[in-house]
Amino acid sequence: MDAYRQHVEMMKEVFTHTFFEERREMGHDSAKPVFIFGMPRSGTTLTEQIINRHPRAAGVGELSFFTHQGQALSFGADKPGIFADNAQAMKEKDFKRISRKYLTLLDKLAPNTNRVADKMPHNFEHLWLVALLFPSATFIHCTREPVDCCISIYSKALGSEHRYNRSQSTLSQYFRLYRDLMEHWKSVLSVEIHEQSYEAMVSDQEGQSRALIAQTGLEWDDDCLEFYKGERQVRTFSKDQVRKPIYKTSLERWKRYEPHIAPLLDALGDLAPNR
């Protein structure tokens, strides 16, 4: 967790207002991409499926495109300084090349659509690049009550890339670093980030869904209320939930486990609910 903390601190130091101001207009003006990101189990699949039901939009699941772009720049390597140097060395031609490659991928996966939703949760780590590449895209940050989100993550057998999930304490520490990084992005990026609360969507499905679709620039369509009727195959842990209408049993789920999650609550600190 210390290595990841160093990466977050490095990104906060490197990706400043000045960094982005110096690289304005290096990306593509396409409004086609819709980036859905946040912690896993925060409602990203639900959000994607609502958009996917729109006749002029499509959801393409969790694309690893920006994960691979980050790896090519040495993001996640032992020495975060190498990644910082590589990011700062990128030229306009590099941004143009990557944006064209991504749009080509979207056209292949979802031809003849106005909007394409890429719901890779961990793209929150790569927002510096995504925002520079596609300043006219839609950015949707899915949020959920921290302890409920963490419990939902901890109860799933996530892949080896989710190393932060090895204990309640490391999961909470990672969650705090994610929140810290998101606060930084909101303070330095010039793109508008739409905050989509899972709890708000459960409480007011139509109102929240209308606001969500409006954020993409599309006209409202009533099919978006029936997200559970989507035909696209869902491969995430939410595949069963998004085939049913919205339900409220996942709210305040943490209370059922309170006697067993003291390390989680302690490490969350001020992000934990009042007990």
C-alpha atoms as a PDB file:
ATOM      1  CA  MET A   1       0.000   0.000   0.000  1.00  0.00           C
ATOM      2  CA  ASP A   2       2.958   2.336   0.581  1.00  0.00           C
ATOM      3  CA  ALA A   3       3.975   2.002  -3.082  1.00  0.00           C
ATOM      4  CA  TYR A   4       0.496   2.938  -4.262  1.00  0.00           C
ATOM      5  CA  ARG A   5       0.432   5.874  -1.847  1.00  0.00           C
ATOM      6  CA  GLN A   6       3.663   7.102  -3.439  1.00  0.00           C
ATOM      7  CA  HIS A   7       2.023   6.928  -6.863  1.00  0.00           C
ATOM      8  CA  VAL A   8      -0.948   8.967  -5.683  1.00  0.00           C
ATOM      9  CA  GLU A   9       1.300  11.598  -4.126  1.00  0.00           C
ATOM     10  CA  MET A  10       3.391  11.708  -7.290  1.00  0.00           C
ATOM     11  CA  MET A  11       0.298  12.267  -9.454  1.00  0.00           C
ATOM     12  CA  LYS A  12      -0.844  15.090  -7.209  1.00  0.00           C
ATOM     13  CA  GLU A  13       2.558  16.726  -7.583  1.00  0.00           C
ATOM     14  CA  VAL A  14       2.901  16.261 -11.350  1.00  0.00           C
ATOM     15  CA  PHE A  15      -0.636  16.695 -12.653  1.00  0.00           C
ATOM     16  CA  THR A  16      -1.291  20.309 -11.727  1.00  0.00           C
ATOM     17  CA  HIS A  17      -3.269  23.170 -13.267  1.00  0.00           C
ATOM     18  CA  THR A  18      -0.104  24.180 -15.101  1.00  0.00           C
ATOM     19  CA  PHE A  19       0.428  20.676 -16.505  1.00  0.00           C
ATOM     20  CA  PHE A  20      -3.050  20.651 -18.050  1.00  0.00           C
ATOM     21  CA  GLU A  21      -2.939  24.263 -19.207  1.00  0.00           C
ATOM     22  CA  GLU A  22       0.249  23.572 -21.146  1.00  0.00           C
ATOM     23  CA  ARG A  23      -1.409  20.626 -22.928  1.00  0.00           C
ATOM     24  CA  ARG A  24      -4.759  22.114 -23.862  1.00  0.00           C
ATOM     25  CA  GLU A  25      -6.185  21.174 -27.260  1.00  0.00           C
ATOM     26  CA  MET A  26      -3.864  18.203 -27.688  1.00  0.00           C
ATOM     27  CA  GLY A  27      -6.718  15.703 -27.714  1.00  0.00           C
ATOM     28  CA  HIS A  28      -9.752  14.929 -29.871  1.00  0.00           C
ATOM     29  CA  ASP A  29     -13.038  16.841 -29.818  1.00  0.00           C
ATOM     30  CA  SER A  30     -15.214  13.709 -30.049  1.00  0.00           C
ATOM     31  CA  ALA A  31     -18.155  13.560 -27.629  1.00  0.00           C
ATOM     32  CA  LYS A  32     -18.701   9.870 -28.298  1.00  0.00           C
ATOM     33  CA  PRO A  33     -16.952   8.372 -25.264  1.00  0.00           C
ATOM     34  CA  VAL A  34     -18.766   8.133 -21.945  1.00  0.00           C
ATOM     35  CA  PHE A  35     -16.331   7.251 -19.183  1.00  0.00           C
ATOM     36  CA  ILE A  36     -17.845   5.593 -16.097  1.00  0.00           C
ATOM     37  CA  PHE A  37     -15.415   5.139 -13.217  1.00  0.00           C
ATOM     38  CA  GLY A  38     -15.127   4.863  -9.443  1.00  0.00           C
ATOM     39  CA  MET A  39     -14.459   2.077  -7.001  1.00  0.00           C
ATOM     40  CA  PRO A  40     -15.649  -1.418  -7.959  1.00  0.00           C
ATOM     41  CA  ARG A  41     -19.133  -2.190  -6.600  1.00  0.00           C
ATOM     42  CA  SER A  42     -20.113   1.490  -6.668  1.00  0.00           C
ATOM     43  CA  GLY A  43     -22.841   1.203  -9.304  1.00  0.00           C
ATOM     44  CA  THR A  44     -20.753   1.398 -12.467  1.00  0.00           C
ATOM     45  CA  THR A  45     -22.526  -1.548 -14.120  1.00  0.00           C
ATOM     46  CA  LEU A  46     -25.959  -0.159 -13.239  1.00  0.00           C
ATOM     47  CA  THR A  47     -24.993   3.234 -14.664  1.00  0.00           C
ATOM     48  CA  GLU A  48     -23.688   1.659 -17.852  1.00  0.00           C
ATOM     49  CA  GLN A  49     -26.828  -0.409 -18.335  1.00  0.00           C
ATOM     50  CA  ILE A  50     -29.080   2.649 -17.995  1.00  0.00           C
ATOM     51  CA  ILE A  51     -27.116   4.367 -20.760  1.00  0.00           C
ATOM     52  CA  ASN A  52     -26.939   1.158 -22.789  1.00  0.00           C
ATOM     53  CA  ARG A  53     -30.739   1.062 -23.043  1.00  0.00           C
ATOM     54  CA  HIS A  54     -30.776   4.348 -24.944  1.00  0.00           C
ATOM     55  CA  PRO A  55     -31.297   3.743 -28.688  1.00  0.00           C
ATOM     56  CA  ARG A  56     -28.413   6.079 -29.592  1.00  0.00           C
ATOM     57  CA  ALA A  57     -25.942   4.683 -27.085  1.00  0.00           C
ATOM     58  CA  ALA A  58     -24.138   1.454 -26.275  1.00  0.00           C
ATOM     59  CA  GLY A  59     -22.269   0.015 -23.337  1.00  0.00           C
ATOM     60  CA  VAL A  60     -19.120  -1.972 -24.094  1.00  0.00           C
ATOM     61  CA  GLY A  61     -18.176  -3.137 -20.617  1.00  0.00           C
ATOM     62  CA  GLU A  62     -14.805  -2.746 -18.939  1.00  0.00           C
ATOM     63  CA  LEU A  63     -12.233  -1.828 -21.563  1.00  0.00           C
ATOM     64  CA  SER A  64      -8.610  -2.283 -20.527  1.00  0.00           C
ATOM     65  CA  PHE A  65      -7.409   0.329 -23.038  1.00  0.00           C
ATOM     66  CA  PHE A  66      -6.292   2.952 -20.536  1.00  0.00           C
ATOM     67  CA  THR A  67      -4.892   0.361 -18.155  1.00  0.00           C
ATOM     68  CA  HIS A  68      -2.570  -0.693 -20.955  1.00  0.00           C
ATOM     69  CA  GLN A  69      -1.737   2.917 -21.803  1.00  0.00           C
ATOM     70  CA  GLY A  70      -0.792   3.493 -18.171  1.00  0.00           C
ATOM     71  CA  GLN A  71       1.356   0.372 -18.118  1.00  0.00           C
ATOM     72  CA  ALA A  72       3.145   1.513 -21.284  1.00  0.00           C
ATOM     73  CA  LEU A  73       4.092   4.677 -19.390  1.00  0.00           C
ATOM     74  CA  SER A  74       5.246   2.577 -16.384  1.00  0.00           C
ATOM     75  CA  PHE A  75       2.281   3.397 -14.163  1.00  0.00           C
ATOM     76  CA  GLY A  76       2.391   1.006 -11.223  1.00  0.00           C
ATOM     77  CA  ALA A  77       6.110   0.323 -11.588  1.00  0.00           C
ATOM     78  CA  ASP A  78       8.401   0.307  -8.558  1.00  0.00           C
ATOM     79  CA  LYS A  79       9.703   3.799  -9.335  1.00  0.00           C
ATOM     80  CA  PRO A  80       6.855   6.297  -9.803  1.00  0.00           C
ATOM     81  CA  GLY A  81       9.341   8.885 -11.017  1.00  0.00           C
ATOM     82  CA  ILE A  82       9.739   6.935 -14.281  1.00  0.00           C
ATOM     83  CA  PHE A  83       6.011   7.189 -14.914  1.00  0.00           C
ATOM     84  CA  ALA A  84       6.090  10.916 -14.122  1.00  0.00           C
ATOM     85  CA  ASP A  85       8.917  11.476 -16.598  1.00  0.00           C
ATOM     86  CA  ASN A  86       7.158   9.484 -19.314  1.00  0.00           C
ATOM     87  CA  ALA A  87       3.862  11.343 -18.835  1.00  0.00           C
ATOM     88  CA  GLN A  88       5.552  14.722 -18.943  1.00  0.00           C
ATOM     89  CA  ALA A  89       7.485  13.766 -22.088  1.00  0.00           C
ATOM     90  CA  MET A  90       4.361  13.035 -24.147  1.00  0.00           C
ATOM     91  CA  LYS A  91       3.928  15.215 -27.225  1.00  0.00           C
ATOM     92  CA  GLU A  92       0.842  16.307 -29.121  1.00  0.00           C
ATOM     93  CA  LYS A  93       1.418  13.563 -31.684  1.00  0.00           C
ATOM     94  CA  ASP A  94       1.270  10.979 -28.876  1.00  0.00           C
ATOM     95  CA  PHE A  95      -2.073  12.243 -27.614  1.00  0.00           C
ATOM     96  CA  LYS A  96      -3.482  12.358 -31.149  1.00  0.00           C
ATOM     97  CA  ARG A  97      -2.301   8.814 -31.872  1.00  0.00           C
ATOM     98  CA  ILE A  98      -3.824   7.387 -28.691  1.00  0.00           C
ATOM     99  CA  SER A  99      -7.145   9.197 -29.171  1.00  0.00           C
ATOM    100  CA  ARG A 100      -7.482   7.913 -32.743  1.00  0.00           C
ATOM    101  CA  LYS A 101      -6.680   4.383 -31.615  1.00  0.00           C
ATOM    102  CA  TYR A 102      -9.322   4.519 -28.883  1.00  0.00           C
ATOM    103  CA  LEU A 103     -12.025   5.924 -31.186  1.00  0.00           C
ATOM    104  CA  THR A 104     -11.244   3.201 -33.718  1.00  0.00           C
ATOM    105  CA  LEU A 105     -11.818   0.635 -30.977  1.00  0.00           C
ATOM    106  CA  LEU A 106     -15.167   2.196 -30.047  1.00  0.00           C
ATOM    107  CA  ASP A 107     -16.268   2.261 -33.679  1.00  0.00           C
ATOM    108  CA  LYS A 108     -15.439  -1.422 -33.967  1.00  0.00           C
ATOM    109  CA  LEU A 109     -17.244  -2.401 -30.773  1.00  0.00           C
ATOM    110  CA  ALA A 110     -20.285  -0.152 -31.188  1.00  0.00           C
ATOM    111  CA  PRO A 111     -20.748   1.145 -34.738  1.00  0.00           C
ATOM    112  CA  ASN A 112     -23.498   3.630 -35.611  1.00  0.00           C
ATOM    113  CA  THR A 113     -23.970   5.001 -32.100  1.00  0.00           C
ATOM    114  CA  ASN A 114     -23.672   8.544 -30.768  1.00  0.00           C
ATOM    115  CA  ARG A 115     -22.359   7.578 -27.330  1.00  0.00           C
ATOM    116  CA  VAL A 116     -20.354   4.599 -26.113  1.00  0.00           C
ATOM    117  CA  ALA A 117     -20.020   3.871 -22.391  1.00  0.00           C
ATOM    118  CA  ASP A 118     -16.700   2.486 -21.140  1.00  0.00           C
ATOM    119  CA  LYS A 119     -17.255   1.444 -17.536  1.00  0.00           C
ATOM    120  CA  MET A 120     -13.784   0.576 -16.321  1.00  0.00           C
ATOM    121  CA  PRO A 121     -13.889   1.506 -12.597  1.00  0.00           C
ATOM    122  CA  HIS A 122     -10.134   1.983 -12.225  1.00  0.00           C
ATOM    123  CA  ASN A 123      -9.974   4.553 -14.993  1.00  0.00           C
ATOM    124  CA  PHE A 124     -10.125   6.997 -12.088  1.00  0.00           C
ATOM    125  CA  GLU A 125      -6.368   6.393 -11.908  1.00  0.00           C
ATOM    126  CA  HIS A 126      -5.928   7.559 -15.505  1.00  0.00           C
ATOM    127  CA  LEU A 127      -8.174  10.611 -15.585  1.00  0.00           C
ATOM    128  CA  TRP A 128      -5.234  12.893 -16.317  1.00  0.00           C
ATOM    129  CA  LEU A 129      -4.793  11.142 -19.669  1.00  0.00           C
ATOM    130  CA  VAL A 130      -8.468  10.552 -20.442  1.00  0.00           C
ATOM    131  CA  ALA A 131      -9.347  14.207 -19.819  1.00  0.00           C
ATOM    132  CA  LEU A 132      -6.540  15.433 -22.065  1.00  0.00           C
ATOM    133  CA  LEU A 133      -7.476  13.019 -24.840  1.00  0.00           C
ATOM    134  CA  PHE A 134     -11.227  13.650 -24.796  1.00  0.00           C
ATOM    135  CA  PRO A 135     -12.147  16.998 -23.216  1.00  0.00           C
ATOM    136  CA  SER A 136     -15.621  16.856 -24.829  1.00  0.00           C
ATOM    137  CA  ALA A 137     -16.452  13.375 -23.526  1.00  0.00           C
ATOM    138  CA  THR A 138     -18.841  12.577 -20.667  1.00  0.00           C
ATOM    139  CA  PHE A 139     -17.235  11.780 -17.304  1.00  0.00           C
ATOM    140  CA  ILE A 140     -19.346   9.950 -14.719  1.00  0.00           C
ATOM    141  CA  HIS A 141     -17.959   9.255 -11.268  1.00  0.00           C
ATOM    142  CA  CYS A 142     -19.973   6.559  -9.474  1.00  0.00           C
ATOM    143  CA  THR A 143     -19.980   6.854  -5.706  1.00  0.00           C
ATOM    144  CA  ARG A 144     -21.380   4.766  -2.882  1.00  0.00           C
ATOM    145  CA  GLU A 145     -21.414   4.899   0.904  1.00  0.00           C
ATOM    146  CA  PRO A 146     -17.770   3.984   1.681  1.00  0.00           C
ATOM    147  CA  VAL A 147     -18.374   1.169   4.132  1.00  0.00           C
ATOM    148  CA  ASP A 148     -21.088  -0.449   1.980  1.00  0.00           C
ATOM    149  CA  CYS A 149     -18.831  -0.207  -1.056  1.00  0.00           C
ATOM    150  CA  CYS A 150     -15.919  -1.755   0.828  1.00  0.00           C
ATOM    151  CA  ILE A 151     -17.998  -4.610   2.222  1.00  0.00           C
ATOM    152  CA  SER A 152     -19.328  -5.400  -1.233  1.00  0.00           C
ATOM    153  CA  ILE A 153     -15.758  -5.509  -2.546  1.00  0.00           C
ATOM    154  CA  TYR A 154     -14.438  -7.542   0.382  1.00  0.00           C
ATOM    155  CA  SER A 155     -17.149 -10.176  -0.013  1.00  0.00           C
ATOM    156  CA  LYS A 156     -16.159 -10.879  -3.628  1.00  0.00           C
ATOM    157  CA  ALA A 157     -13.273 -12.963  -4.899  1.00  0.00           C
ATOM    158  CA  LEU A 158     -11.744 -10.272  -7.080  1.00  0.00           C
ATOM    159  CA  GLY A 159      -8.782 -11.003  -9.337  1.00  0.00           C
ATOM    160  CA  SER A 160      -5.128 -10.766  -8.387  1.00  0.00           C
ATOM    161  CA  GLU A 161      -4.900  -7.236  -9.786  1.00  0.00           C
ATOM    162  CA  HIS A 162      -7.043  -6.098  -6.845  1.00  0.00           C
ATOM    163  CA  ARG A 163      -4.258  -6.612  -4.314  1.00  0.00           C
ATOM    164  CA  TYR A 164      -5.680  -3.930  -2.052  1.00  0.00           C
ATOM    165  CA  ASN A 165      -8.489  -6.355  -1.199  1.00  0.00           C
ATOM    166  CA  ARG A 166      -6.316  -8.732   0.834  1.00  0.00           C
ATOM    167  CA  SER A 167      -7.505  -7.398   4.209  1.00  0.00           C
ATOM    168  CA  GLN A 168     -10.071  -5.028   5.662  1.00  0.00           C
ATOM    169  CA  SER A 169      -7.348  -2.572   6.581  1.00  0.00           C
ATOM    170  CA  THR A 170      -5.645  -2.483   3.167  1.00  0.00           C
ATOM    171  CA  LEU A 171      -9.012  -2.125   1.448  1.00  0.00           C
ATOM    172  CA  SER A 172      -9.924   0.868   3.612  1.00  0.00           C
ATOM    173  CA  GLN A 173      -6.529   2.470   3.030  1.00  0.00           C
ATOM    174  CA  TYR A 174      -6.945   2.047  -0.718  1.00  0.00           C
ATOM    175  CA  PHE A 175     -10.422   3.542  -0.578  1.00  0.00           C
ATOM    176  CA  ARG A 176      -9.071   6.608   1.196  1.00  0.00           C
ATOM    177  CA  LEU A 177      -6.337   6.998  -1.428  1.00  0.00           C
ATOM    178  CA  TYR A 178      -8.943   6.721  -4.186  1.00  0.00           C
ATOM    179  CA  ARG A 179     -11.013   9.461  -2.558  1.00  0.00           C
ATOM    180  CA  ASP A 180      -7.925  11.612  -2.138  1.00  0.00           C
ATOM    181  CA  LEU A 181      -7.012  11.224  -5.807  1.00  0.00           C
ATOM    182  CA  MET A 182     -10.556  11.988  -6.945  1.00  0.00           C
ATOM    183  CA  GLU A 183     -10.572  15.196  -4.911  1.00  0.00           C
ATOM    184  CA  HIS A 184      -7.363  16.165  -6.662  1.00  0.00           C
ATOM    185  CA  TRP A 185      -8.781  15.485 -10.130  1.00  0.00           C
ATOM    186  CA  LYS A 186     -11.852  17.571  -9.379  1.00  0.00           C
ATOM    187  CA  SER A 187      -9.626  20.468  -8.359  1.00  0.00           C
ATOM    188  CA  VAL A 188      -7.321  20.452 -11.421  1.00  0.00           C
ATOM    189  CA  LEU A 189      -9.199  18.984 -14.396  1.00  0.00           C
ATOM    190  CA  SER A 190     -11.151  21.298 -16.653  1.00  0.00           C
ATOM    191  CA  VAL A 191     -13.700  18.635 -17.655  1.00  0.00           C
ATOM    192  CA  GLU A 192     -17.045  18.381 -15.880  1.00  0.00           C
ATOM    193  CA  ILE A 193     -17.331  15.269 -13.718  1.00  0.00           C
ATOM    194  CA  HIS A 194     -20.890  14.120 -13.041  1.00  0.00           C
ATOM    195  CA  GLU A 195     -21.196  12.596  -9.583  1.00  0.00           C
ATOM    196  CA  GLN A 196     -23.581   9.627  -9.670  1.00  0.00           C
ATOM    197  CA  SER A 197     -24.525   8.458  -6.198  1.00  0.00           C
ATOM    198  CA  TYR A 198     -25.656   4.848  -5.916  1.00  0.00           C
ATOM    199  CA  GLU A 199     -27.897   5.720  -2.980  1.00  0.00           C
ATOM    200  CA  ALA A 200     -29.500   8.586  -4.909  1.00  0.00           C
ATOM    201  CA  MET A 201     -30.177   6.320  -7.892  1.00  0.00           C
ATOM    202  CA  VAL A 202     -31.848   3.740  -5.663  1.00  0.00           C
ATOM    203  CA  SER A 203     -33.994   6.413  -3.997  1.00  0.00           C
ATOM    204  CA  ASP A 204     -34.970   8.309  -7.165  1.00  0.00           C
ATOM    205  CA  GLN A 205     -34.417   6.132 -10.205  1.00  0.00           C
ATOM    206  CA  GLU A 206     -36.247   8.256 -12.764  1.00  0.00           C
ATOM    207  CA  GLY A 207     -34.929  11.619 -11.613  1.00  0.00           C
ATOM    208  CA  GLN A 208     -31.360  10.366 -11.419  1.00  0.00           C
ATOM    209  CA  SER A 209     -31.616   8.505 -14.717  1.00  0.00           C
ATOM    210  CA  ARG A 210     -32.927  11.585 -16.499  1.00  0.00           C
ATOM    211  CA  ALA A 211     -30.055  13.663 -15.129  1.00  0.00           C
ATOM    212  CA  LEU A 212     -27.592  10.961 -16.167  1.00  0.00           C
ATOM    213  CA  ILE A 213     -28.837  10.805 -19.752  1.00  0.00           C
ATOM    214  CA  ALA A 214     -28.934  14.602 -19.960  1.00  0.00           C
ATOM    215  CA  GLN A 215     -25.266  14.644 -18.947  1.00  0.00           C
ATOM    216  CA  THR A 216     -24.408  12.584 -22.025  1.00  0.00           C
ATOM    217  CA  GLY A 217     -26.132  15.134 -24.274  1.00  0.00           C
ATOM    218  CA  LEU A 218     -28.795  12.685 -25.435  1.00  0.00           C
ATOM    219  CA  GLU A 219     -32.551  13.188 -25.365  1.00  0.00           C
ATOM    220  CA  TRP A 220     -34.445  11.244 -22.752  1.00  0.00           C
ATOM    221  CA  ASP A 221     -35.849   7.811 -23.668  1.00  0.00           C
ATOM    222  CA  ASP A 222     -38.177   5.843 -21.380  1.00  0.00           C
ATOM    223  CA  ASP A 223     -36.358   2.589 -22.159  1.00  0.00           C
ATOM    224  CA  CYS A 224     -33.575   3.814 -19.874  1.00  0.00           C
ATOM    225  CA  LEU A 225     -35.838   3.084 -16.889  1.00  0.00           C
ATOM    226  CA  GLU A 226     -35.874  -0.592 -17.850  1.00  0.00           C
ATOM    227  CA  PHE A 227     -32.122  -1.117 -17.700  1.00  0.00           C
ATOM    228  CA  TYR A 228     -32.680  -4.732 -16.599  1.00  0.00           C
ATOM    229  CA  LYS A 229     -34.049  -5.618 -20.045  1.00  0.00           C
ATOM    230  CA  GLY A 230     -30.758  -4.941 -21.793  1.00  0.00           C
ATOM    231  CA  GLU A 231     -29.556  -7.741 -24.067  1.00  0.00           C
ATOM    232  CA  ARG A 232     -25.819  -7.091 -23.819  1.00  0.00           C
ATOM    233  CA  GLN A 233     -23.963  -9.749 -21.846  1.00  0.00           C
ATOM    234  CA  VAL A 234     -22.683  -8.510 -18.486  1.00  0.00           C
ATOM    235  CA  ARG A 235     -19.486 -10.121 -17.186  1.00  0.00           C
ATOM    236  CA  THR A 236     -19.026  -8.345 -13.868  1.00  0.00           C
ATOM    237  CA  PHE A 237     -20.130  -9.444 -10.389  1.00  0.00           C
ATOM    238  CA  SER A 238     -23.230  -7.266 -10.890  1.00  0.00           C
ATOM    239  CA  LYS A 239     -24.540  -9.432 -13.729  1.00  0.00           C
ATOM    240  CA  ASP A 240     -27.450 -10.769 -11.650  1.00  0.00           C
ATOM    241  CA  GLN A 241     -28.410  -7.467 -10.016  1.00  0.00           C
ATOM    242  CA  VAL A 242     -28.707  -5.544 -13.292  1.00  0.00           C
ATOM    243  CA  ARG A 243     -31.185  -8.087 -14.635  1.00  0.00           C
ATOM    244  CA  LYS A 244     -33.678  -7.022 -11.955  1.00  0.00           C
ATOM    245  CA  PRO A 245     -35.416  -3.722 -11.194  1.00  0.00           C
ATOM    246  CA  ILE A 246     -33.702  -1.525  -8.618  1.00  0.00           C
ATOM    247  CA  TYR A 247     -33.994  -2.775  -5.034  1.00  0.00           C
ATOM    248  CA  LYS A 248     -32.999  -1.216  -1.708  1.00  0.00           C
ATOM    249  CA  THR A 249     -31.671  -4.175   0.254  1.00  0.00           C
ATOM    250  CA  SER A 250     -28.073  -3.191  -0.535  1.00  0.00           C
ATOM    251  CA  LEU A 251     -28.409   0.096   1.363  1.00  0.00           C
ATOM    252  CA  GLU A 252     -26.752   0.181   4.819  1.00  0.00           C
ATOM    253  CA  ARG A 253     -25.671  -3.395   4.315  1.00  0.00           C
ATOM    254  CA  TRP A 254     -22.746  -2.774   6.644  1.00  0.00           C
ATOM    255  CA  LYS A 255     -24.992  -2.905   9.724  1.00  0.00           C
ATOM    256  CA  ARG A 256     -25.436  -6.649   9.268  1.00  0.00           C
ATOM    257  CA  TYR A 257     -21.682  -7.137   9.561  1.00  0.00           C
ATOM    258  CA  GLU A 258     -20.824  -4.506  12.158  1.00  0.00           C
ATOM    259  CA  PRO A 259     -19.479  -6.943  14.788  1.00  0.00           C
ATOM    260  CA  HIS A 260     -17.008  -8.330  12.247  1.00  0.00           C
ATOM    261  CA  ILE A 261     -15.667  -5.235  10.463  1.00  0.00           C
ATOM    262  CA  ALA A 262     -13.890  -3.236  13.162  1.00  0.00           C
ATOM    263  CA  PRO A 263     -10.582  -3.122  11.187  1.00  0.00           C
ATOM    264  CA  LEU A 264     -12.455  -1.835   8.134  1.00  0.00           C
ATOM    265  CA  LEU A 265     -14.286   0.871  10.067  1.00  0.00           C
ATOM    266  CA  ASP A 266     -11.180   1.932  11.982  1.00  0.00           C
ATOM    267  CA  ALA A 267      -9.080   2.292   8.830  1.00  0.00           C
ATOM    268  CA  LEU A 268     -11.826   4.255   7.059  1.00  0.00           C
ATOM    269  CA  GLY A 269     -11.580   6.833   9.802  1.00  0.00           C
ATOM    270  CA  ASP A 270     -13.779   9.862   9.136  1.00  0.00           C
ATOM    271  CA  LEU A 271     -15.250   8.102   6.063  1.00  0.00           C
ATOM    272  CA  ALA A 272     -16.899   5.530   8.331  1.00  0.00           C
ATOM    273  CA  PRO A 273     -20.515   6.107   9.431  1.00  0.00           C
ATOM    274  CA  ASN A 274     -21.273   7.279  12.928  1.00  0.00           C
ATOM    275  CA  ARG A 275     -21.885   4.249  15.111  1.00  0.00           C
END
